[in-house]
């Protein structure tokens, strides 16, 4: 494929021009991904760039890729692409979908995308109307005996649907990662039913027993209690926990913070070290891309620090590591976070890019050439490329002390709620 600018060219530029050039390369990558989707899968939820087809998550798509990418189009100032996406949302987006829709994914990707677009567009009511329509349909998920949301909802009938797990339990991360979107929807619509439904979930969880602040990954909508004893920081647990770095700084730069407490310094260092570890999972493979799961070798007599099992060698174009690099760059100003991000971007360009259009997930990051999966996850354009673009850009675009990114990278403004009756 075409790798764009050469590193030797970049090295000859001043730092400011260099990072501006890196940002342009990311923007070009987004246009390449978007163009493939528009050509082959317009209106479909997901894109398969090798077979040049689209597919839907339910029997009728709700344009997951379009709505998830809309604020990236705005942030990257891609005007023509944006107008085409807005037109589709205004005229073709319809939530009357009979079937199981995942409450969490629909909230963070679709509702989050609409809310962010509403704010970034200067309050374009098209996005508000669609957000209220979707939000009111999602509320059916909270009609459980305890108010803890079911994992799925039928958007047409507005009925919540328990998961197929034993006891119909919901994922802890899913039930506790809806608060930002529903509260902001209350704020801009004036309907505080959304607010009270998600606040109720947090009140209930606050009152449940924890293990050193850690919680099991399943939650029962029937009984309002945690289910089982499994605890992870990965899937089903991940987004329940706060960003350590943002918890310390509230988005301000370290140099503006004054003296930090011992606890804050410890949290900051854990955040930095966690990020360094995640980056090493990229740099330790043959392709320079991280596997989905890695194991740490704790035995001293082995050459390998990181062990990757055969079934875990895939890469889905995930954003979490570049998200951490973006946050750390903004807060510390340490250029190594940009350097690491550029290295990761180059690896995606080299191995995930499909020349004819789009980018694909990989089956095995430990072999060259890596076998490919034929799927471009919606978070590639919504999150991974957005965070890389912001990493290489100026700090006053979406400043971290004025915005909170939802778990799908949709920026929502920090707001003070009016006094609630």
Protein backbone atom coordinates (compact mmCIF):
# COMPACT_ATOMS: atom_id res chain seq x y z
CA UNK A 1 0.00 0.00 0.00
CA UNK A 2 0.86 3.69 -0.06
CA UNK A 3 2.35 4.71 3.29
CA UNK A 4 2.08 8.45 2.69
CA UNK A 5 4.92 10.55 4.04
CA UNK A 6 8.33 9.01 4.78
CA UNK A 7 9.83 9.30 8.26
CA UNK A 8 12.93 10.90 6.74
CA UNK A 9 10.70 13.66 5.31
CA UNK A 10 9.09 14.18 8.71
CA UNK A 11 12.46 14.43 10.44
CA UNK A 12 13.41 17.38 8.23
CA UNK A 13 10.40 19.43 9.40
CA UNK A 14 10.11 21.71 12.44
CA UNK A 15 8.15 20.07 15.32
CA UNK A 16 5.06 22.17 14.63
CA UNK A 17 5.05 21.36 10.90
CA UNK A 18 5.89 17.74 11.61
CA UNK A 19 2.87 17.09 13.83
CA UNK A 20 0.61 19.07 11.55
CA UNK A 21 1.75 16.80 8.72
CA UNK A 22 1.08 13.69 10.84
CA UNK A 23 -2.41 15.00 11.53
CA UNK A 24 -3.02 15.43 7.79
CA UNK A 25 -2.01 11.80 7.25
CA UNK A 26 -4.59 10.68 9.81
CA UNK A 27 -7.24 12.80 8.08
CA UNK A 28 -6.33 11.13 4.76
CA UNK A 29 -6.67 7.72 6.43
CA UNK A 30 -10.15 8.67 7.65
CA UNK A 31 -11.16 9.77 4.14
CA UNK A 32 -9.88 6.45 2.77
CA UNK A 33 -11.92 4.50 5.35
CA UNK A 34 -15.03 6.63 4.80
CA UNK A 35 -14.84 6.48 0.99
CA UNK A 36 -14.85 2.67 1.05
CA UNK A 37 -17.87 2.61 3.35
CA UNK A 38 -19.78 5.17 1.26
CA UNK A 39 -19.10 3.26 -1.96
CA UNK A 40 -19.87 -0.26 -0.72
CA UNK A 41 -22.03 -0.10 2.41
CA UNK A 42 -23.81 3.26 2.65
CA UNK A 43 -26.54 3.14 5.33
CA UNK A 44 -25.46 -0.23 6.69
CA UNK A 45 -24.33 -0.60 10.30
CA UNK A 46 -20.98 -2.22 9.53
CA UNK A 47 -18.51 -2.41 6.65
CA UNK A 48 -16.61 -5.42 5.25
CA UNK A 49 -13.86 -3.84 3.14
CA UNK A 50 -12.42 -6.99 1.56
CA UNK A 51 -15.72 -8.36 0.24
CA UNK A 52 -16.92 -4.75 -0.34
CA UNK A 53 -20.24 -5.31 1.46
CA UNK A 54 -22.21 -3.96 4.40
CA UNK A 55 -24.18 -5.73 7.12
CA UNK A 56 -26.67 -4.77 9.83
CA UNK A 57 -26.71 -5.60 13.54
CA UNK A 58 -30.51 -6.04 13.53
CA UNK A 59 -32.96 -6.87 10.75
CA UNK A 60 -32.89 -3.21 9.69
CA UNK A 61 -29.81 -1.05 10.16
CA UNK A 62 -29.71 2.23 12.03
CA UNK A 63 -26.57 3.49 10.33
CA UNK A 64 -24.19 2.73 13.20
CA UNK A 65 -21.16 3.70 11.12
CA UNK A 66 -22.64 7.01 9.95
CA UNK A 67 -23.86 8.21 13.33
CA UNK A 68 -20.75 6.96 15.10
CA UNK A 69 -18.51 8.88 12.66
CA UNK A 70 -20.49 12.13 12.36
CA UNK A 71 -18.58 14.10 15.00
CA UNK A 72 -15.22 12.92 13.60
CA UNK A 73 -16.31 14.38 10.25
CA UNK A 74 -17.03 17.66 12.05
CA UNK A 75 -13.78 17.71 14.04
CA UNK A 76 -11.76 16.95 10.88
CA UNK A 77 -13.71 19.61 8.96
CA UNK A 78 -14.70 17.22 6.14
CA UNK A 79 -17.57 19.35 4.89
CA UNK A 80 -18.85 17.39 1.88
CA UNK A 81 -18.72 14.07 3.69
CA UNK A 82 -20.44 15.68 6.68
CA UNK A 83 -23.34 17.05 4.62
CA UNK A 84 -23.98 13.64 3.08
CA UNK A 85 -24.02 12.05 6.57
CA UNK A 86 -26.29 14.73 8.02
CA UNK A 87 -28.69 14.33 5.13
CA UNK A 88 -28.90 10.58 5.76
CA UNK A 89 -29.54 11.12 9.47
CA UNK A 90 -32.23 13.73 8.74
CA UNK A 91 -34.06 11.74 6.05
CA UNK A 92 -33.27 8.02 6.40
CA UNK A 93 -32.47 7.28 10.04
CA UNK A 94 -35.40 5.38 11.55
CA UNK A 95 -35.39 3.72 14.97
CA UNK A 96 -38.55 1.66 14.50
CA UNK A 97 -36.56 -1.58 14.61
CA UNK A 98 -38.21 -4.84 15.66
CA UNK A 99 -35.64 -7.12 17.32
CA UNK A 100 -32.94 -7.13 19.99
CA UNK A 101 -30.79 -3.99 20.12
CA UNK A 102 -27.93 -3.90 22.62
CA UNK A 103 -28.70 -1.04 25.03
CA UNK A 104 -25.06 -0.20 25.77
CA UNK A 105 -23.76 -0.21 22.17
CA UNK A 106 -26.78 1.72 20.89
CA UNK A 107 -26.38 4.30 23.66
CA UNK A 108 -22.63 4.90 23.39
CA UNK A 109 -22.43 4.79 19.58
CA UNK A 110 -25.74 6.11 18.27
CA UNK A 111 -27.17 8.24 21.08
CA UNK A 112 -23.67 9.49 21.96
CA UNK A 113 -23.00 10.34 18.31
CA UNK A 114 -26.25 12.28 17.96
CA UNK A 115 -25.69 14.22 21.21
CA UNK A 116 -22.13 15.17 20.28
CA UNK A 117 -23.23 16.23 16.80
CA UNK A 118 -25.98 18.36 18.36
CA UNK A 119 -23.44 20.24 20.46
CA UNK A 120 -20.66 20.54 17.86
CA UNK A 121 -23.10 21.73 15.17
CA UNK A 122 -24.22 24.64 17.37
CA UNK A 123 -27.50 22.92 18.37
CA UNK A 124 -28.81 21.62 15.03
CA UNK A 125 -32.28 20.37 16.02
CA UNK A 126 -32.13 17.43 13.58
CA UNK A 127 -29.79 15.71 16.05
CA UNK A 128 -31.86 16.64 19.11
CA UNK A 129 -35.07 15.25 17.61
CA UNK A 130 -33.37 11.98 16.68
CA UNK A 131 -31.71 11.74 20.11
CA UNK A 132 -35.04 12.20 21.93
CA UNK A 133 -36.69 9.59 19.68
CA UNK A 134 -33.92 7.08 20.39
CA UNK A 135 -33.60 7.92 24.08
CA UNK A 136 -37.31 7.44 24.72
CA UNK A 137 -37.17 4.00 23.04
CA UNK A 138 -34.12 2.97 25.08
CA UNK A 139 -35.89 3.83 28.35
CA UNK A 140 -37.86 0.56 28.09
CA UNK A 141 -34.68 -1.26 29.12
CA UNK A 142 -34.95 0.31 32.59
CA UNK A 143 -38.42 -1.20 33.22
CA UNK A 144 -36.98 -4.04 35.30
CA UNK A 145 -38.05 -4.85 38.89
CA UNK A 146 -35.07 -2.85 40.22
CA UNK A 147 -34.54 -0.24 37.49
CA UNK A 148 -31.17 -1.77 36.55
CA UNK A 149 -31.38 -1.90 32.74
CA UNK A 150 -31.80 -5.12 30.79
CA UNK A 151 -28.99 -5.73 28.32
CA UNK A 152 -31.22 -5.42 25.23
CA UNK A 153 -34.31 -3.54 24.13
CA UNK A 154 -36.77 -3.81 21.27
CA UNK A 155 -36.72 -0.26 19.86
CA UNK A 156 -40.06 -0.78 18.08
CA UNK A 157 -42.06 -2.04 21.09
CA UNK A 158 -39.90 -0.20 23.70
CA UNK A 159 -39.68 -3.38 25.80
CA UNK A 160 -36.52 -4.37 27.66
CA UNK A 161 -35.15 -7.86 26.98
CA UNK A 162 -33.07 -9.77 29.58
CA UNK A 163 -29.79 -11.24 28.34
CA UNK A 164 -29.48 -14.92 27.47
CA UNK A 165 -26.98 -15.40 30.32
CA UNK A 166 -28.23 -17.46 33.24
CA UNK A 167 -30.55 -15.35 35.35
CA UNK A 168 -30.79 -12.70 32.64
CA UNK A 169 -27.91 -10.71 34.15
CA UNK A 170 -26.55 -7.51 32.60
CA UNK A 171 -22.88 -6.55 32.30
CA UNK A 172 -21.76 -4.19 35.03
CA UNK A 173 -19.86 -1.97 32.59
CA UNK A 174 -22.90 -1.73 30.32
CA UNK A 175 -25.36 -0.74 33.07
CA UNK A 176 -22.95 1.85 34.50
CA UNK A 177 -21.83 3.51 31.27
CA UNK A 178 -25.14 5.06 30.17
CA UNK A 179 -25.08 7.95 32.64
CA UNK A 180 -23.28 10.58 30.59
CA UNK A 181 -25.54 10.29 27.55
CA UNK A 182 -28.86 10.13 29.40
CA UNK A 183 -27.94 13.01 31.71
CA UNK A 184 -26.89 15.21 28.79
CA UNK A 185 -30.09 14.26 26.96
CA UNK A 186 -32.04 15.43 30.04
CA UNK A 187 -30.05 18.65 30.10
CA UNK A 188 -30.76 19.59 26.47
CA UNK A 189 -34.33 18.24 26.29
CA UNK A 190 -35.54 19.40 29.71
CA UNK A 191 -36.94 15.90 30.43
CA UNK A 192 -35.41 14.69 33.69
CA UNK A 193 -36.87 11.18 33.46
CA UNK A 194 -33.67 10.15 31.61
CA UNK A 195 -31.57 11.59 34.41
CA UNK A 196 -33.40 9.90 37.27
CA UNK A 197 -33.36 6.46 35.57
CA UNK A 198 -29.56 6.38 35.21
CA UNK A 199 -28.91 8.09 38.54
CA UNK A 200 -30.98 5.39 40.26
CA UNK A 201 -28.57 2.74 38.89
CA UNK A 202 -25.60 4.53 40.45
CA UNK A 203 -27.36 4.95 43.82
CA UNK A 204 -28.05 1.22 43.88
CA UNK A 205 -24.47 0.30 43.01
CA UNK A 206 -23.07 2.74 45.58
CA UNK A 207 -24.91 0.75 48.25
CA UNK A 208 -23.63 -2.68 47.18
CA UNK A 209 -20.53 -4.29 48.78
CA UNK A 210 -17.23 -3.86 46.89
CA UNK A 211 -13.84 -5.59 47.06
CA UNK A 212 -11.26 -2.79 47.45
CA UNK A 213 -13.34 -0.73 45.05
CA UNK A 214 -13.55 -3.57 42.51
CA UNK A 215 -16.87 -5.12 41.51
CA UNK A 216 -18.03 -8.32 39.76
CA UNK A 217 -18.79 -8.07 36.04
CA UNK A 218 -22.46 -9.12 36.19
CA UNK A 219 -25.41 -7.29 37.69
CA UNK A 220 -28.94 -8.62 38.15
CA UNK A 221 -31.85 -6.44 36.92
CA UNK A 222 -34.19 -8.77 38.88
CA UNK A 223 -32.52 -8.49 42.28
CA UNK A 224 -30.38 -5.37 42.05
CA UNK A 225 -27.23 -7.18 43.18
CA UNK A 226 -23.94 -8.27 41.65
CA UNK A 227 -23.97 -11.78 40.26
CA UNK A 228 -21.04 -14.19 40.52
CA UNK A 229 -17.54 -13.31 41.71
CA UNK A 230 -15.61 -12.76 38.47
CA UNK A 231 -13.78 -9.41 38.40
CA UNK A 232 -11.88 -8.09 35.37
CA UNK A 233 -10.70 -4.74 34.06
CA UNK A 234 -11.43 -5.99 30.54
CA UNK A 235 -14.74 -6.66 28.79
CA UNK A 236 -17.88 -6.34 30.96
CA UNK A 237 -15.94 -4.47 33.64
CA UNK A 238 -13.79 -1.92 31.84
CA UNK A 239 -15.87 1.23 31.52
CA UNK A 240 -17.22 0.99 35.10
CA UNK A 241 -13.78 2.34 36.28
CA UNK A 242 -12.63 6.06 35.90
CA UNK A 243 -9.59 7.17 34.02
CA UNK A 244 -6.85 7.48 36.60
CA UNK A 245 -5.19 10.43 34.86
CA UNK A 246 -8.43 12.37 34.40
CA UNK A 247 -9.40 11.59 37.99
CA UNK A 248 -6.24 13.34 39.18
CA UNK A 249 -6.31 16.36 36.86
CA UNK A 250 -9.95 16.85 35.77
CA UNK A 251 -8.44 17.49 32.33
CA UNK A 252 -6.04 20.26 33.38
CA UNK A 253 -2.36 20.18 32.43
CA UNK A 254 0.00 18.90 35.13
CA UNK A 255 1.97 22.14 35.10
CA UNK A 256 -1.20 24.04 36.01
CA UNK A 257 -2.05 21.77 38.93
CA UNK A 258 0.15 23.02 41.79
CA UNK A 259 1.20 20.47 44.42
CA UNK A 260 -0.32 17.01 44.04
CA UNK A 261 -1.10 14.74 46.97
CA UNK A 262 0.76 11.44 47.37
CA UNK A 263 -2.37 9.60 46.23
CA UNK A 264 -2.65 11.76 43.12
CA UNK A 265 1.01 11.22 42.23
CA UNK A 266 0.54 7.47 42.67
CA UNK A 267 -2.59 7.46 40.44
CA UNK A 268 -0.77 9.52 37.81
CA UNK A 269 2.17 7.13 37.77
CA UNK A 270 -0.08 4.06 37.58
CA UNK A 271 -1.85 5.67 34.59
CA UNK A 272 1.46 6.36 32.85
CA UNK A 273 2.78 2.86 33.51
CA UNK A 274 -0.46 1.19 32.38
CA UNK A 275 -0.22 3.13 29.12
CA UNK A 276 3.45 2.20 28.65
CA UNK A 277 2.48 -1.45 29.15
CA UNK A 278 -0.31 -1.20 26.56
CA UNK A 279 2.09 0.39 24.08
CA UNK A 280 4.58 -2.44 24.63
CA UNK A 281 1.87 -4.89 23.55
CA UNK A 282 2.00 -3.14 20.16
CA UNK A 283 5.77 -2.89 19.89
CA UNK A 284 6.42 -6.50 20.93
CA UNK A 285 4.65 -8.09 17.93
CA UNK A 286 5.91 -8.65 14.41
CA UNK A 287 3.36 -6.23 12.91
CA UNK A 288 3.66 -3.55 15.61
CA UNK A 289 -0.05 -3.99 16.40
CA UNK A 290 -1.41 -5.30 19.69
CA UNK A 291 -3.26 -8.58 20.11
CA UNK A 292 -6.73 -8.57 21.65
CA UNK A 293 -5.43 -10.23 24.84
CA UNK A 294 -1.92 -10.76 26.21
CA UNK A 295 -0.64 -12.58 29.27
CA UNK A 296 2.25 -11.41 31.44
CA UNK A 297 5.00 -13.87 32.17
CA UNK A 298 5.77 -13.63 35.88
CA UNK A 299 8.50 -16.28 35.84
CA UNK A 300 11.98 -14.78 35.96
CA UNK A 301 13.74 -17.50 33.97
CA UNK A 302 12.00 -16.81 30.64
CA UNK A 303 12.99 -14.55 27.76
CA UNK A 304 9.40 -13.61 26.92
CA UNK A 305 7.71 -10.87 28.97
CA UNK A 306 4.42 -11.06 27.11
CA UNK A 307 2.72 -14.29 26.04
CA UNK A 308 0.08 -14.21 23.29
CA UNK A 309 -2.14 -17.28 22.95
CA UNK A 310 -3.19 -18.45 19.50
CA UNK A 311 -6.87 -17.56 19.94
CA UNK A 312 -6.04 -14.02 21.14
CA UNK A 313 -3.80 -12.85 18.28
CA UNK A 314 -6.39 -10.74 16.49
CA UNK A 315 -6.53 -6.94 16.33
CA UNK A 316 -9.90 -5.24 15.86
CA UNK A 317 -8.57 -1.67 15.24
CA UNK A 318 -9.34 -0.81 18.86
CA UNK A 319 -8.85 2.73 20.23
CA UNK A 320 -8.06 2.37 23.94
CA UNK A 321 -4.28 2.71 23.74
CA UNK A 322 -4.29 5.74 21.44
CA UNK A 323 -7.00 7.27 23.65
CA UNK A 324 -4.60 6.98 26.59
CA UNK A 325 -1.76 8.47 24.52
CA UNK A 326 -3.98 11.42 23.58
CA UNK A 327 -4.95 12.08 27.21
CA UNK A 328 -1.36 11.77 28.47
CA UNK A 329 -0.01 14.03 25.72
CA UNK A 330 -2.57 16.72 26.56
CA UNK A 331 -1.92 16.50 30.30
CA UNK A 332 1.87 16.03 30.43
CA UNK A 333 3.06 17.57 27.16
CA UNK A 334 5.62 14.74 26.87
CA UNK A 335 6.31 14.28 23.15
CA UNK A 336 6.98 10.54 23.51
CA UNK A 337 3.21 9.97 23.57
CA UNK A 338 2.95 11.52 20.10
CA UNK A 339 5.94 9.48 18.88
CA UNK A 340 4.32 6.26 20.13
CA UNK A 341 1.00 7.21 18.53
CA UNK A 342 2.67 7.86 15.18
CA UNK A 343 4.40 4.48 15.32
CA UNK A 344 1.07 2.74 16.01
CA UNK A 345 -0.65 4.68 13.20
CA UNK A 346 2.09 3.62 10.74
CA UNK A 347 1.54 -0.03 11.67
CA UNK A 348 -2.21 0.29 11.01
CA UNK A 349 -1.43 1.93 7.66
CA UNK A 350 0.95 -0.85 6.73
CA UNK A 351 -1.14 -3.87 7.68
CA UNK A 352 -4.81 -2.90 8.03
CA UNK A 353 -5.32 -0.62 5.04
CA UNK A 354 -7.17 -2.07 2.06
CA UNK A 355 -5.87 -0.30 -1.06
CA UNK A 356 -9.29 -0.09 -2.71
CA UNK A 357 -10.92 1.51 0.36
CA UNK A 358 -11.39 0.92 4.08
CA UNK A 359 -9.31 -0.73 6.81
CA UNK A 360 -9.73 -4.23 8.19
CA UNK A 361 -9.37 -6.10 11.47
CA UNK A 362 -6.53 -8.64 11.50
CA UNK A 363 -6.55 -12.29 12.50
CA UNK A 364 -2.95 -12.65 13.65
CA UNK A 365 -0.66 -9.74 14.57
CA UNK A 366 2.29 -12.09 15.17
CA UNK A 367 2.75 -13.15 11.54
CA UNK A 368 3.68 -11.23 8.40
CA UNK A 369 1.71 -10.75 6.33
CA UNK A 370 -1.09 -10.99 8.92
CA UNK A 371 -4.25 -12.82 7.84
CA UNK A 372 -7.23 -10.46 7.58
CA UNK A 373 -10.75 -10.56 9.01
CA UNK A 374 -12.82 -8.49 6.55
CA UNK A 375 -14.42 -6.17 9.07
CA UNK A 376 -13.99 -2.48 9.82
CA UNK A 377 -15.41 -1.85 13.29
CA UNK A 378 -17.33 1.42 13.64
CA UNK A 379 -14.97 2.54 16.39
CA UNK A 380 -12.09 2.78 13.90
CA UNK A 381 -13.54 6.02 12.48
CA UNK A 382 -15.41 7.06 15.62
CA UNK A 383 -12.54 6.62 18.06
CA UNK A 384 -9.14 5.36 16.90
CA UNK A 385 -8.68 7.86 14.07
CA UNK A 386 -10.34 10.68 16.05
CA UNK A 387 -7.95 10.24 18.98
CA UNK A 388 -4.93 10.05 16.65
CA UNK A 389 -6.09 13.21 14.86
CA UNK A 390 -6.48 15.06 18.17
CA UNK A 391 -3.16 13.67 19.47
CA UNK A 392 -1.31 15.37 16.62
CA UNK A 393 -3.35 18.58 16.70
CA UNK A 394 -3.46 21.73 18.86
CA UNK A 395 -4.59 21.48 22.50
CA UNK A 396 -7.40 24.02 22.18
CA UNK A 397 -9.52 21.71 19.97
CA UNK A 398 -11.89 19.87 22.35
CA UNK A 399 -9.97 20.89 25.52
CA UNK A 400 -10.06 18.19 28.19
CA UNK A 401 -11.14 20.51 31.01
CA UNK A 402 -14.22 21.58 29.03
CA UNK A 403 -15.29 18.25 27.48
CA UNK A 404 -15.80 14.67 28.59
CA UNK A 405 -15.49 11.93 25.97
CA UNK A 406 -18.03 9.16 26.34
CA UNK A 407 -16.76 5.60 26.09
CA UNK A 408 -17.14 5.75 22.27
CA UNK A 409 -15.08 8.99 22.01
CA UNK A 410 -18.07 11.29 21.52
CA UNK A 411 -17.18 14.60 23.21
CA UNK A 412 -19.90 16.14 25.36
CA UNK A 413 -19.47 19.54 27.03
CA UNK A 414 -19.03 19.71 30.78
CA UNK A 415 -22.26 21.25 32.08
CA UNK A 416 -23.82 22.23 35.37
CA UNK A 417 -27.34 20.83 35.67
CA UNK A 418 -30.07 23.29 36.60
CA UNK A 419 -31.39 22.72 40.11
CA UNK A 420 -33.50 19.57 39.94
CA UNK A 421 -36.98 19.80 41.45
